[in-house]
Amino acid sequence: MIQPLAVSIGDPAGVGPELACAAWALSGTANLPPFFVVGSKRVLEKAARRRGLHIKVRAITAAHEAAAVFDQALPVLDLGDIDYTPGVPDDAGAALALAALTEATRLVREGHAGALVTGPIAKSRLARVGFDHPGQTEFVAAACGIAAQDAVMMLAGPSLRVVPVTVHIALSAVPGLLSAALIERRSAIAARALVRDYGIAAPRLAVAGLNPHAGEDGRMGYEDAALIAPAVAALQAQGIDARGPLPADTMFHPAARATYDVAICMYHDQALIPIKALDFDEGVNVTLGLPIVRTSPDHGTAFAIAGTATARPGATVAAIRMAGECANRRHAA
C-alpha cells in the first residue's frame, strides 16, 4: 500500500485550490487514493466556500497523518495563511506556491508520500520570488538529480497519449534542435515508462514526421529521412516496437489511434492540439524518466474563472487517479 499522495496547491489565486477541494469531494465516487494538499488551510476553506462545497479541511503536521484523516476531511499540510483573492495573483501567493511545490517534492523524494501531483502555477509570478526553472517539470527533475533533457513530458487522456520531443520553444527553432539521438532517447524513456508505470508489456510507438506527408521522400523537407527515420531504426534495434516517420495528419483518427500506445511528436502543438481536442477535460501531464511519480492536470491557473465555480475538476481528478495507479504499479514491482 502506497503512502497518501502529495498535491501542491499551485498558485492560490488560480483554480488549483478549489479543484483540489472538488477532487476530495468526488474522491469516493471517482475512486481516488488518499491524498493531502501542501499549501494553506484557510485558502482551501475559502476556495471550497466560493465553490459551494460543504467540506471539512483539517490541518496535519506530517504526511503520515493524512491516511487517518482522509475519509472525514481534506488533509492539508499547512504552510501558513495568505489573503485569498481568486483571479488576482500576487507575490505572496507565488511564494506559497513555490514553498508548497518544494515541500511536496521533498516529501515524495524522501518516501513520505506516494506520488506528486502539482497544481497549476504562473511561471512569470514564480520568477518574481526566486523560481529559476522554465517550469515545474524542470524543477522536479533537478530536485531528483535528473537532467532536464531526460525528464520527458507525456500528455495522457482516455483517448490518447502523446510525447512532444521538443516542448516550449519557437516553431522556427524546432528543426535545429531535433536530432536522431534526441528523438531516440526521449522515445526510449517513454517506452520504458509505459512498461513500468502503465503495465504495457510491449509498448507500440507511432513516431510522427516533422514535415507535411512526413517529407514525401524529401520533396517537403529533409528532416524526416535524415533524423527521424534513423531514430526509429535505432529504437527498433533496441527491441522497441516503433514505426515512422508517419504523416501526422493521419495519426489521430480513431482507427489510427488503435494501432499504438503513444504518439511521439516533434513539437509542442503537434502533440497538444490532438490531445486537447480529444481529452480536454481529462488530460494529465505526466513527467517520465523520474525516480518518483509526478503528474499534473493539463491546464493552467485559469485566473479568469478562478472563484466562479465554473472550472471543471476532471483533469485534477484524472491526475490524482493516474498518479496513484502509476505509484501502485511501481510499488508492486
C-alpha atoms as a PDB file:
ATOM      1  CA  MET A   1       0.000   0.000   0.000  1.00  0.00           C
ATOM      2  CA  ILE A   2       1.468   3.340  -1.046  1.00  0.00           C
ATOM      3  CA  GLN A   3       1.603   6.408   1.147  1.00  0.00           C
ATOM      4  CA  PRO A   4      -1.012   9.161   0.514  1.00  0.00           C
ATOM      5  CA  LEU A   5      -0.200  11.371  -2.448  1.00  0.00           C
ATOM      6  CA  ALA A   6       1.112  14.927  -2.056  1.00  0.00           C
ATOM      7  CA  VAL A   7      -0.777  17.589  -4.021  1.00  0.00           C
ATOM      8  CA  SER A   8       0.877  21.004  -4.205  1.00  0.00           C
ATOM      9  CA  ILE A   9      -1.681  23.791  -4.083  1.00  0.00           C
ATOM     10  CA  GLY A  10      -0.422  25.734  -7.108  1.00  0.00           C
ATOM     11  CA  ASP A  11      -0.998  29.468  -7.363  1.00  0.00           C
ATOM     12  CA  PRO A  12      -3.683  30.177  -4.747  1.00  0.00           C
ATOM     13  CA  ALA A  13      -5.250  32.850  -6.962  1.00  0.00           C
ATOM     14  CA  GLY A  14      -5.906  30.261  -9.651  1.00  0.00           C
ATOM     15  CA  VAL A  15      -8.236  27.283  -9.834  1.00  0.00           C
ATOM     16  CA  GLY A  16      -5.856  24.873  -8.082  1.00  0.00           C
ATOM     17  CA  PRO A  17      -7.258  25.243  -4.537  1.00  0.00           C
ATOM     18  CA  GLU A  18     -10.922  24.903  -5.484  1.00  0.00           C
ATOM     19  CA  LEU A  19     -10.230  21.930  -7.770  1.00  0.00           C
ATOM     20  CA  ALA A  20      -8.278  20.145  -5.030  1.00  0.00           C
ATOM     21  CA  CYS A  21     -11.335  20.589  -2.810  1.00  0.00           C
ATOM     22  CA  ALA A  22     -13.638  19.382  -5.592  1.00  0.00           C
ATOM     23  CA  ALA A  23     -11.446  16.331  -6.154  1.00  0.00           C
ATOM     24  CA  TRP A  24     -11.658  15.398  -2.473  1.00  0.00           C
ATOM     25  CA  ALA A  25     -15.453  15.828  -2.562  1.00  0.00           C
ATOM     26  CA  LEU A  26     -15.531  13.413  -5.523  1.00  0.00           C
ATOM     27  CA  SER A  27     -12.923  11.019  -4.123  1.00  0.00           C
ATOM     28  CA  GLY A  28     -15.390   8.289  -3.208  1.00  0.00           C
ATOM     29  CA  THR A  29     -17.273   8.151  -6.491  1.00  0.00           C
ATOM     30  CA  ALA A  30     -14.094   8.791  -8.512  1.00  0.00           C
ATOM     31  CA  ASN A  31     -12.181   6.025  -6.706  1.00  0.00           C
ATOM     32  CA  LEU A  32      -9.260   8.254  -5.782  1.00  0.00           C
ATOM     33  CA  PRO A  33      -6.414   7.199  -3.493  1.00  0.00           C
ATOM     34  CA  PRO A  34      -5.873   9.146  -0.265  1.00  0.00           C
ATOM     35  CA  PHE A  35      -4.078  12.441  -0.821  1.00  0.00           C
ATOM     36  CA  PHE A  36      -3.244  15.607   1.067  1.00  0.00           C
ATOM     37  CA  VAL A  37      -2.691  19.151  -0.085  1.00  0.00           C
ATOM     38  CA  VAL A  38       0.504  21.041   0.678  1.00  0.00           C
ATOM     39  CA  GLY A  39      -0.490  24.676   0.999  1.00  0.00           C
ATOM     40  CA  SER A  40      -2.829  26.710   3.188  1.00  0.00           C
ATOM     41  CA  LYS A  41      -5.788  25.504   5.246  1.00  0.00           C
ATOM     42  CA  ARG A  42      -7.552  28.863   5.151  1.00  0.00           C
ATOM     43  CA  VAL A  43      -7.106  29.225   1.393  1.00  0.00           C
ATOM     44  CA  LEU A  44      -8.663  25.804   0.850  1.00  0.00           C
ATOM     45  CA  GLU A  45     -11.550  26.574   3.198  1.00  0.00           C
ATOM     46  CA  LYS A  46     -12.268  29.856   1.443  1.00  0.00           C
ATOM     47  CA  ALA A  47     -11.955  28.269  -2.006  1.00  0.00           C
ATOM     48  CA  ALA A  48     -14.367  25.492  -1.015  1.00  0.00           C
ATOM     49  CA  ARG A  49     -16.920  28.029   0.202  1.00  0.00           C
ATOM     50  CA  ARG A  50     -16.639  30.054  -3.010  1.00  0.00           C
ATOM     51  CA  ARG A  51     -17.358  26.866  -4.918  1.00  0.00           C
ATOM     52  CA  GLY A  52     -20.306  25.959  -2.715  1.00  0.00           C
ATOM     53  CA  LEU A  53     -18.606  22.863  -1.296  1.00  0.00           C
ATOM     54  CA  HIS A  54     -19.524  21.961   2.282  1.00  0.00           C
ATOM     55  CA  ILE A  55     -16.410  20.008   3.183  1.00  0.00           C
ATOM     56  CA  LYS A  56     -14.097  19.809   6.150  1.00  0.00           C
ATOM     57  CA  VAL A  57     -10.455  20.772   5.792  1.00  0.00           C
ATOM     58  CA  ARG A  58      -8.138  19.528   8.514  1.00  0.00           C
ATOM     59  CA  ALA A  59      -4.537  20.550   9.160  1.00  0.00           C
ATOM     60  CA  ILE A  60      -1.943  17.823   9.597  1.00  0.00           C
ATOM     61  CA  THR A  61       1.606  18.205  10.827  1.00  0.00           C
ATOM     62  CA  ALA A  62       3.164  15.272   8.961  1.00  0.00           C
ATOM     63  CA  ALA A  63       2.385  13.389   5.769  1.00  0.00           C
ATOM     64  CA  HIS A  64       1.724  10.083   7.520  1.00  0.00           C
ATOM     65  CA  GLU A  65      -1.286  11.604   9.322  1.00  0.00           C
ATOM     66  CA  ALA A  66      -3.190  12.053   6.058  1.00  0.00           C
ATOM     67  CA  ALA A  67      -4.398   8.465   5.748  1.00  0.00           C
ATOM     68  CA  ALA A  68      -6.288   8.589   9.054  1.00  0.00           C
ATOM     69  CA  VAL A  69      -7.887  11.929   8.195  1.00  0.00           C
ATOM     70  CA  PHE A  70      -8.804  11.437   4.543  1.00  0.00           C
ATOM     71  CA  ASP A  71     -12.174   9.747   4.970  1.00  0.00           C
ATOM     72  CA  GLN A  72     -13.511  12.575   7.148  1.00  0.00           C
ATOM     73  CA  ALA A  73     -11.767  15.687   5.819  1.00  0.00           C
ATOM     74  CA  LEU A  74      -9.375  17.008   3.204  1.00  0.00           C
ATOM     75  CA  PRO A  75      -5.944  16.876   4.882  1.00  0.00           C
ATOM     76  CA  VAL A  76      -3.634  19.843   4.382  1.00  0.00           C
ATOM     77  CA  LEU A  77      -0.055  20.328   5.421  1.00  0.00           C
ATOM     78  CA  ASP A  78      -0.489  23.965   6.381  1.00  0.00           C
ATOM     79  CA  LEU A  79       2.336  26.286   5.361  1.00  0.00           C
ATOM     80  CA  GLY A  80       0.573  29.437   6.533  1.00  0.00           C
ATOM     81  CA  ASP A  81      -2.203  31.853   5.735  1.00  0.00           C
ATOM     82  CA  ILE A  82      -2.348  34.461   2.989  1.00  0.00           C
ATOM     83  CA  ASP A  83      -5.113  36.655   1.597  1.00  0.00           C
ATOM     84  CA  TYR A  84      -7.254  34.634  -0.795  1.00  0.00           C
ATOM     85  CA  THR A  85      -8.394  36.695  -3.770  1.00  0.00           C
ATOM     86  CA  PRO A  86      -9.197  34.405  -6.697  1.00  0.00           C
ATOM     87  CA  GLY A  87      -8.162  35.805 -10.055  1.00  0.00           C
ATOM     88  CA  VAL A  88      -5.711  38.311  -8.558  1.00  0.00           C
ATOM     89  CA  PRO A  89      -2.219  36.754  -8.382  1.00  0.00           C
ATOM     90  CA  ASP A  90       0.421  38.386  -6.218  1.00  0.00           C
ATOM     91  CA  ASP A  91       3.885  37.723  -4.846  1.00  0.00           C
ATOM     92  CA  ALA A  92       2.615  36.278  -1.563  1.00  0.00           C
ATOM     93  CA  GLY A  93       0.616  33.692  -3.457  1.00  0.00           C
ATOM     94  CA  ALA A  94       3.581  32.881  -5.687  1.00  0.00           C
ATOM     95  CA  ALA A  95       5.761  32.398  -2.605  1.00  0.00           C
ATOM     96  CA  LEU A  96       3.199  29.982  -1.164  1.00  0.00           C
ATOM     97  CA  ALA A  97       3.043  28.095  -4.471  1.00  0.00           C
ATOM     98  CA  LEU A  98       6.828  27.750  -4.554  1.00  0.00           C
ATOM     99  CA  ALA A  99       7.032  26.663  -0.908  1.00  0.00           C
ATOM    100  CA  ALA A 100       4.291  24.096  -1.488  1.00  0.00           C
ATOM    101  CA  LEU A 101       5.986  22.708  -4.609  1.00  0.00           C
ATOM    102  CA  THR A 102       9.318  22.492  -2.791  1.00  0.00           C
ATOM    103  CA  GLU A 103       7.888  20.728   0.258  1.00  0.00           C
ATOM    104  CA  ALA A 104       5.646  18.355  -1.692  1.00  0.00           C
ATOM    105  CA  THR A 105       8.562  17.327  -3.905  1.00  0.00           C
ATOM    106  CA  ARG A 106      10.757  16.721  -0.849  1.00  0.00           C
ATOM    107  CA  LEU A 107       8.130  14.557   0.830  1.00  0.00           C
ATOM    108  CA  VAL A 108       7.778  12.321  -2.226  1.00  0.00           C
ATOM    109  CA  ARG A 109      11.530  12.121  -2.830  1.00  0.00           C
ATOM    110  CA  GLU A 110      12.091  11.043   0.777  1.00  0.00           C
ATOM    111  CA  GLY A 111       9.334   8.428   0.677  1.00  0.00           C
ATOM    112  CA  HIS A 112       6.868  10.190   2.978  1.00  0.00           C
ATOM    113  CA  ALA A 113       4.281  10.481   0.176  1.00  0.00           C
ATOM    114  CA  GLY A 114       3.425   8.058  -2.593  1.00  0.00           C
ATOM    115  CA  ALA A 115       3.458  10.398  -5.594  1.00  0.00           C
ATOM    116  CA  LEU A 116       3.481  14.076  -6.520  1.00  0.00           C
ATOM    117  CA  VAL A 117       0.578  15.924  -8.131  1.00  0.00           C
ATOM    118  CA  THR A 118       1.379  19.551  -8.899  1.00  0.00           C
ATOM    119  CA  GLY A 119      -1.269  22.248  -9.046  1.00  0.00           C
ATOM    120  CA  PRO A 120      -1.103  24.860 -11.816  1.00  0.00           C
ATOM    121  CA  ILE A 121       1.274  27.772 -11.362  1.00  0.00           C
ATOM    122  CA  ALA A 122       2.018  31.095 -13.050  1.00  0.00           C
ATOM    123  CA  LYS A 123       5.667  30.816 -14.034  1.00  0.00           C
ATOM    124  CA  SER A 124       6.075  34.555 -14.503  1.00  0.00           C
ATOM    125  CA  ARG A 125       4.889  35.138 -10.932  1.00  0.00           C
ATOM    126  CA  LEU A 126       7.148  32.421  -9.528  1.00  0.00           C
ATOM    127  CA  ALA A 127      10.127  34.023 -11.256  1.00  0.00           C
ATOM    128  CA  ARG A 128       9.489  37.147  -9.160  1.00  0.00           C
ATOM    129  CA  VAL A 129      10.041  35.151  -5.954  1.00  0.00           C
ATOM    130  CA  GLY A 130      13.191  33.301  -6.982  1.00  0.00           C
ATOM    131  CA  PHE A 131      11.987  30.437  -9.212  1.00  0.00           C
ATOM    132  CA  ASP A 132      14.681  29.971 -11.872  1.00  0.00           C
ATOM    133  CA  HIS A 133      13.362  26.990 -13.845  1.00  0.00           C
ATOM    134  CA  PRO A 134      11.351  27.011 -17.098  1.00  0.00           C
ATOM    135  CA  GLY A 135       8.549  25.129 -15.338  1.00  0.00           C
ATOM    136  CA  GLN A 136       7.613  22.647 -12.635  1.00  0.00           C
ATOM    137  CA  THR A 137       8.861  19.699 -14.717  1.00  0.00           C
ATOM    138  CA  GLU A 138      12.402  21.066 -14.731  1.00  0.00           C
ATOM    139  CA  PHE A 139      12.184  21.967 -11.034  1.00  0.00           C
ATOM    140  CA  VAL A 140      11.143  18.443 -10.056  1.00  0.00           C
ATOM    141  CA  ALA A 141      13.773  16.899 -12.347  1.00  0.00           C
ATOM    142  CA  ALA A 142      16.516  18.991 -10.754  1.00  0.00           C
ATOM    143  CA  ALA A 143      15.287  18.102  -7.258  1.00  0.00           C
ATOM    144  CA  CYS A 144      15.533  14.429  -8.239  1.00  0.00           C
ATOM    145  CA  GLY A 145      19.009  14.798  -9.755  1.00  0.00           C
ATOM    146  CA  ILE A 146      17.763  14.153 -13.291  1.00  0.00           C
ATOM    147  CA  ALA A 147      18.989  16.173 -16.279  1.00  0.00           C
ATOM    148  CA  ALA A 148      16.218  18.303 -17.760  1.00  0.00           C
ATOM    149  CA  GLN A 149      16.553  16.609 -21.168  1.00  0.00           C
ATOM    150  CA  ASP A 150      15.819  13.244 -19.546  1.00  0.00           C
ATOM    151  CA  ALA A 151      12.586  14.436 -17.901  1.00  0.00           C
ATOM    152  CA  VAL A 152      10.104  13.696 -20.657  1.00  0.00           C
ATOM    153  CA  MET A 153       6.654  15.269 -20.839  1.00  0.00           C
ATOM    154  CA  MET A 154       3.774  12.977 -21.724  1.00  0.00           C
ATOM    155  CA  LEU A 155       0.186  14.149 -22.022  1.00  0.00           C
ATOM    156  CA  ALA A 156      -2.244  11.323 -21.339  1.00  0.00           C
ATOM    157  CA  GLY A 157      -6.003  11.032 -21.527  1.00  0.00           C
ATOM    158  CA  PRO A 158      -8.639   8.364 -22.089  1.00  0.00           C
ATOM    159  CA  SER A 159      -8.250   8.585 -25.879  1.00  0.00           C
ATOM    160  CA  LEU A 160      -4.582   9.328 -26.474  1.00  0.00           C
ATOM    161  CA  ARG A 161      -1.049   9.589 -25.104  1.00  0.00           C
ATOM    162  CA  VAL A 162       1.442  11.972 -26.720  1.00  0.00           C
ATOM    163  CA  VAL A 163       5.081  12.895 -26.109  1.00  0.00           C
ATOM    164  CA  PRO A 164       6.455  16.118 -27.646  1.00  0.00           C
ATOM    165  CA  VAL A 165      10.182  15.712 -28.344  1.00  0.00           C
ATOM    166  CA  THR A 166      10.635  19.497 -28.205  1.00  0.00           C
ATOM    167  CA  VAL A 167       8.352  21.495 -25.939  1.00  0.00           C
ATOM    168  CA  HIS A 168       8.283  25.215 -25.115  1.00  0.00           C
ATOM    169  CA  ILE A 169      10.335  26.636 -27.960  1.00  0.00           C
ATOM    170  CA  ALA A 170       9.513  28.658 -31.055  1.00  0.00           C
ATOM    171  CA  LEU A 171       8.402  26.608 -34.033  1.00  0.00           C
ATOM    172  CA  SER A 172      11.198  28.144 -36.102  1.00  0.00           C
ATOM    173  CA  ALA A 173      13.753  26.650 -33.678  1.00  0.00           C
ATOM    174  CA  VAL A 174      12.418  23.079 -33.803  1.00  0.00           C
ATOM    175  CA  PRO A 175      14.355  21.760 -36.852  1.00  0.00           C
ATOM    176  CA  GLY A 176      17.651  22.985 -35.446  1.00  0.00           C
ATOM    177  CA  LEU A 177      17.076  21.311 -32.071  1.00  0.00           C
ATOM    178  CA  LEU A 178      15.884  17.956 -33.388  1.00  0.00           C
ATOM    179  CA  SER A 179      18.429  15.168 -33.708  1.00  0.00           C
ATOM    180  CA  ALA A 180      18.216  11.437 -34.175  1.00  0.00           C
ATOM    181  CA  ALA A 181      19.801  10.981 -30.733  1.00  0.00           C
ATOM    182  CA  LEU A 182      17.240  13.235 -29.008  1.00  0.00           C
ATOM    183  CA  ILE A 183      14.295  11.523 -30.693  1.00  0.00           C
ATOM    184  CA  GLU A 184      15.658   8.091 -29.840  1.00  0.00           C
ATOM    185  CA  ARG A 185      16.439   8.980 -26.223  1.00  0.00           C
ATOM    186  CA  ARG A 186      13.089  10.533 -25.389  1.00  0.00           C
ATOM    187  CA  SER A 187      11.181   7.807 -27.197  1.00  0.00           C
ATOM    188  CA  ALA A 188      13.076   5.099 -25.303  1.00  0.00           C
ATOM    189  CA  ILE A 189      12.346   6.822 -21.981  1.00  0.00           C
ATOM    190  CA  ALA A 190       8.662   6.884 -22.932  1.00  0.00           C
ATOM    191  CA  ALA A 191       8.701   3.187 -23.859  1.00  0.00           C
ATOM    192  CA  ARG A 192      10.305   2.193 -20.543  1.00  0.00           C
ATOM    193  CA  ALA A 193       7.811   4.313 -18.609  1.00  0.00           C
ATOM    194  CA  LEU A 194       4.843   2.682 -20.337  1.00  0.00           C
ATOM    195  CA  VAL A 195       6.169  -0.690 -19.199  1.00  0.00           C
ATOM    196  CA  ARG A 196       6.959   0.343 -15.621  1.00  0.00           C
ATOM    197  CA  ASP A 197       4.155   2.770 -14.817  1.00  0.00           C
ATOM    198  CA  TYR A 198       1.325   1.759 -17.140  1.00  0.00           C
ATOM    199  CA  GLY A 199       1.722  -2.008 -17.264  1.00  0.00           C
ATOM    200  CA  ILE A 200       2.056  -2.168 -21.060  1.00  0.00           C
ATOM    201  CA  ALA A 201       4.404  -5.094 -21.665  1.00  0.00           C
ATOM    202  CA  ALA A 202       5.332  -4.204 -25.258  1.00  0.00           C
ATOM    203  CA  PRO A 203       4.528  -0.549 -25.958  1.00  0.00           C
ATOM    204  CA  ARG A 204       3.801   0.468 -29.550  1.00  0.00           C
ATOM    205  CA  LEU A 205       5.254   3.836 -30.564  1.00  0.00           C
ATOM    206  CA  ALA A 206       3.979   5.855 -33.522  1.00  0.00           C
ATOM    207  CA  VAL A 207       6.608   8.441 -34.453  1.00  0.00           C
ATOM    208  CA  ALA A 208       5.317  11.475 -36.316  1.00  0.00           C
ATOM    209  CA  GLY A 209       7.138  13.145 -39.137  1.00  0.00           C
ATOM    210  CA  LEU A 210       8.102  16.792 -38.894  1.00  0.00           C
ATOM    211  CA  ASN A 211       7.044  17.941 -42.343  1.00  0.00           C
ATOM    212  CA  PRO A 212       3.798  17.516 -44.289  1.00  0.00           C
ATOM    213  CA  HIS A 213       3.382  13.933 -45.511  1.00  0.00           C
ATOM    214  CA  ALA A 214       6.486  13.015 -43.460  1.00  0.00           C
ATOM    215  CA  GLY A 215       8.633  14.830 -46.006  1.00  0.00           C
ATOM    216  CA  GLU A 216       7.291  12.963 -49.036  1.00  0.00           C
ATOM    217  CA  ASP A 217      10.670  11.449 -49.972  1.00  0.00           C
ATOM    218  CA  GLY A 218      12.499  14.711 -49.422  1.00  0.00           C
ATOM    219  CA  ARG A 219      10.232  16.918 -51.504  1.00  0.00           C
ATOM    220  CA  MET A 220       8.960  18.693 -48.368  1.00  0.00           C
ATOM    221  CA  GLY A 221      11.993  18.694 -46.111  1.00  0.00           C
ATOM    222  CA  TYR A 222      14.993  16.544 -45.277  1.00  0.00           C
ATOM    223  CA  GLU A 223      14.490  16.035 -41.510  1.00  0.00           C
ATOM    224  CA  ASP A 224      12.133  13.069 -41.753  1.00  0.00           C
ATOM    225  CA  ALA A 225      14.609  10.912 -43.669  1.00  0.00           C
ATOM    226  CA  ALA A 226      17.781  12.300 -42.106  1.00  0.00           C
ATOM    227  CA  LEU A 227      16.766  12.489 -38.424  1.00  0.00           C
ATOM    228  CA  ILE A 228      13.512  10.695 -37.660  1.00  0.00           C
ATOM    229  CA  ALA A 229      13.938   7.532 -39.745  1.00  0.00           C
ATOM    230  CA  PRO A 230      17.376   6.737 -38.194  1.00  0.00           C
ATOM    231  CA  ALA A 231      15.919   7.277 -34.712  1.00  0.00           C
ATOM    232  CA  VAL A 232      13.104   4.839 -35.448  1.00  0.00           C
ATOM    233  CA  ALA A 233      15.609   2.297 -36.749  1.00  0.00           C
ATOM    234  CA  ALA A 234      17.690   2.691 -33.571  1.00  0.00           C
ATOM    235  CA  LEU A 235      14.601   2.145 -31.417  1.00  0.00           C
ATOM    236  CA  GLN A 236      13.746  -0.985 -33.375  1.00  0.00           C
ATOM    237  CA  ALA A 237      17.310  -2.230 -32.854  1.00  0.00           C
ATOM    238  CA  GLN A 238      16.665  -1.928 -29.093  1.00  0.00           C
ATOM    239  CA  GLY A 239      13.633  -4.183 -29.470  1.00  0.00           C
ATOM    240  CA  ILE A 240      11.125  -1.329 -29.186  1.00  0.00           C
ATOM    241  CA  ASP A 241       8.045  -1.522 -31.396  1.00  0.00           C
ATOM    242  CA  ALA A 242       8.364   1.826 -33.179  1.00  0.00           C
ATOM    243  CA  ARG A 243       7.001   2.938 -36.546  1.00  0.00           C
ATOM    244  CA  GLY A 244       7.671   6.090 -38.520  1.00  0.00           C
ATOM    245  CA  PRO A 245       8.131   8.732 -39.572  1.00  0.00           C
ATOM    246  CA  LEU A 246       4.370   8.835 -40.119  1.00  0.00           C
ATOM    247  CA  PRO A 247       2.341  11.668 -41.662  1.00  0.00           C
ATOM    248  CA  ALA A 248       0.974  13.490 -38.617  1.00  0.00           C
ATOM    249  CA  ASP A 249      -2.283  14.451 -40.304  1.00  0.00           C
ATOM    250  CA  THR A 250      -3.439  10.814 -40.420  1.00  0.00           C
ATOM    251  CA  MET A 251      -2.207   9.688 -36.986  1.00  0.00           C
ATOM    252  CA  PHE A 252      -5.050  10.787 -34.746  1.00  0.00           C
ATOM    253  CA  HIS A 253      -8.306   9.444 -36.147  1.00  0.00           C
ATOM    254  CA  PRO A 254      -9.845   6.520 -34.179  1.00  0.00           C
ATOM    255  CA  ALA A 255      -8.589   3.679 -36.373  1.00  0.00           C
ATOM    256  CA  ALA A 256      -5.032   5.038 -36.332  1.00  0.00           C
ATOM    257  CA  ARG A 257      -5.031   5.572 -32.553  1.00  0.00           C
ATOM    258  CA  ALA A 258      -5.956   1.916 -32.048  1.00  0.00           C
ATOM    259  CA  THR A 259      -2.616   0.866 -33.542  1.00  0.00           C
ATOM    260  CA  TYR A 260      -0.288   2.486 -30.983  1.00  0.00           C
ATOM    261  CA  ASP A 261       0.103   3.228 -27.272  1.00  0.00           C
ATOM    262  CA  VAL A 262       1.851   6.599 -27.555  1.00  0.00           C
ATOM    263  CA  ALA A 263       2.433   9.113 -30.307  1.00  0.00           C
ATOM    264  CA  ILE A 264       5.918  10.624 -30.393  1.00  0.00           C
ATOM    265  CA  CYS A 265       5.558  14.134 -31.806  1.00  0.00           C
ATOM    266  CA  MET A 266       8.235  16.537 -32.947  1.00  0.00           C
ATOM    267  CA  TYR A 267       6.932  19.786 -31.455  1.00  0.00           C
ATOM    268  CA  HIS A 268       4.512  21.184 -28.896  1.00  0.00           C
ATOM    269  CA  ASP A 269       1.384  21.837 -30.908  1.00  0.00           C
ATOM    270  CA  GLN A 270       1.704  18.665 -32.968  1.00  0.00           C
ATOM    271  CA  ALA A 271       1.208  16.806 -29.685  1.00  0.00           C
ATOM    272  CA  LEU A 272      -1.068  19.087 -27.696  1.00  0.00           C
ATOM    273  CA  ILE A 273      -3.643  20.001 -30.335  1.00  0.00           C
ATOM    274  CA  PRO A 274      -4.930  16.430 -30.779  1.00  0.00           C
ATOM    275  CA  ILE A 275      -4.995  15.550 -27.087  1.00  0.00           C
ATOM    276  CA  LYS A 276      -6.716  18.792 -26.124  1.00  0.00           C
ATOM    277  CA  ALA A 277      -9.235  18.261 -28.907  1.00  0.00           C
ATOM    278  CA  LEU A 278      -9.937  14.714 -27.697  1.00  0.00           C
ATOM    279  CA  ASP A 279      -9.381  14.826 -23.924  1.00  0.00           C
ATOM    280  CA  PHE A 280      -9.520  18.480 -22.891  1.00  0.00           C
ATOM    281  CA  ASP A 281     -11.288  17.881 -19.570  1.00  0.00           C
ATOM    282  CA  GLU A 282      -9.339  14.758 -18.588  1.00  0.00           C
ATOM    283  CA  GLY A 283      -5.825  15.407 -19.843  1.00  0.00           C
ATOM    284  CA  VAL A 284      -2.930  14.690 -17.495  1.00  0.00           C
ATOM    285  CA  ASN A 285       0.631  15.968 -17.776  1.00  0.00           C
ATOM    286  CA  VAL A 286       3.000  13.186 -16.676  1.00  0.00           C
ATOM    287  CA  THR A 287       6.755  13.526 -16.248  1.00  0.00           C
ATOM    288  CA  LEU A 288       8.520  10.376 -17.415  1.00  0.00           C
ATOM    289  CA  GLY A 289      12.079   9.387 -16.542  1.00  0.00           C
ATOM    290  CA  LEU A 290      11.953  10.414 -12.871  1.00  0.00           C
ATOM    291  CA  PRO A 291      12.618   8.227  -9.811  1.00  0.00           C
ATOM    292  CA  ILE A 292       9.248   9.449  -8.463  1.00  0.00           C
ATOM    293  CA  VAL A 293       5.779   9.622  -9.982  1.00  0.00           C
ATOM    294  CA  ARG A 294       4.725  13.151 -10.905  1.00  0.00           C
ATOM    295  CA  THR A 295       1.517  14.216 -12.631  1.00  0.00           C
ATOM    296  CA  SER A 296      -0.335  17.472 -13.097  1.00  0.00           C
ATOM    297  CA  PRO A 297      -3.683  18.479 -14.582  1.00  0.00           C
ATOM    298  CA  ASP A 298      -3.142  19.550 -18.178  1.00  0.00           C
ATOM    299  CA  HIS A 299      -4.380  23.109 -17.753  1.00  0.00           C
ATOM    300  CA  GLY A 300      -3.145  26.368 -16.334  1.00  0.00           C
ATOM    301  CA  THR A 301      -4.166  28.618 -13.477  1.00  0.00           C
ATOM    302  CA  ALA A 302      -7.269  29.906 -15.297  1.00  0.00           C
ATOM    303  CA  PHE A 303      -7.220  33.148 -13.293  1.00  0.00           C
ATOM    304  CA  ALA A 304     -10.150  34.473 -15.340  1.00  0.00           C
ATOM    305  CA  ILE A 305     -12.565  31.893 -13.925  1.00  0.00           C
ATOM    306  CA  ALA A 306     -10.993  31.253 -10.515  1.00  0.00           C
ATOM    307  CA  GLY A 307     -13.561  31.522  -7.747  1.00  0.00           C
ATOM    308  CA  THR A 308     -16.535  31.384 -10.121  1.00  0.00           C
ATOM    309  CA  ALA A 309     -17.254  27.668  -9.546  1.00  0.00           C
ATOM    310  CA  THR A 310     -17.130  27.032 -13.297  1.00  0.00           C
ATOM    311  CA  ALA A 311     -13.738  25.299 -13.549  1.00  0.00           C
ATOM    312  CA  ARG A 312     -14.224  21.598 -14.197  1.00  0.00           C
ATOM    313  CA  PRO A 313     -12.354  19.180 -11.895  1.00  0.00           C
ATOM    314  CA  GLY A 314     -11.938  16.343 -14.411  1.00  0.00           C
ATOM    315  CA  ALA A 315      -8.246  16.895 -15.132  1.00  0.00           C
ATOM    316  CA  THR A 316      -7.370  17.230 -11.438  1.00  0.00           C
ATOM    317  CA  VAL A 317      -9.302  14.057 -10.613  1.00  0.00           C
ATOM    318  CA  ALA A 318      -7.587  12.267 -13.518  1.00  0.00           C
ATOM    319  CA  ALA A 319      -4.130  13.482 -12.424  1.00  0.00           C
ATOM    320  CA  ILE A 320      -4.626  12.186  -8.876  1.00  0.00           C
ATOM    321  CA  ARG A 321      -6.039   8.882 -10.056  1.00  0.00           C
ATOM    322  CA  MET A 322      -3.241   8.356 -12.597  1.00  0.00           C
ATOM    323  CA  ALA A 323      -0.548   9.223 -10.054  1.00  0.00           C
ATOM    324  CA  GLY A 324      -1.971   6.635  -7.672  1.00  0.00           C
ATOM    325  CA  GLU A 325      -2.183   3.960 -10.361  1.00  0.00           C
ATOM    326  CA  CYS A 326       1.396   4.540 -11.517  1.00  0.00           C
ATOM    327  CA  ALA A 327       2.723   4.612  -7.944  1.00  0.00           C
ATOM    328  CA  ASN A 328       0.910   1.373  -7.132  1.00  0.00           C
ATOM    329  CA  ARG A 329       2.475  -0.341 -10.151  1.00  0.00           C
ATOM    330  CA  ARG A 330       5.945   0.767  -9.061  1.00  0.00           C
ATOM    331  CA  HIS A 331       5.248  -0.355  -5.519  1.00  0.00           C
ATOM    332  CA  ALA A 332       4.009  -3.757  -6.673  1.00  0.00           C
ATOM    333  CA  ALA A 333       7.069  -4.221  -8.853  1.00  0.00           C
END
